[in-house]
Amino acid sequence: MTDPASDLPPTEPIDISAYLPDPYDEPSG
């Protein structure tokens, strides 16, 4: 099994926070 990502250069860590709502962004309380 060959990983297609292996061919590509190391990309920066994707910030999933940008796509998912941050529960800690606005503390409720």
Foldseek 3Di string as FASTA:
>chain_A
DDDPCVPPDDDDDDDCCVVDPDCVPDPDD
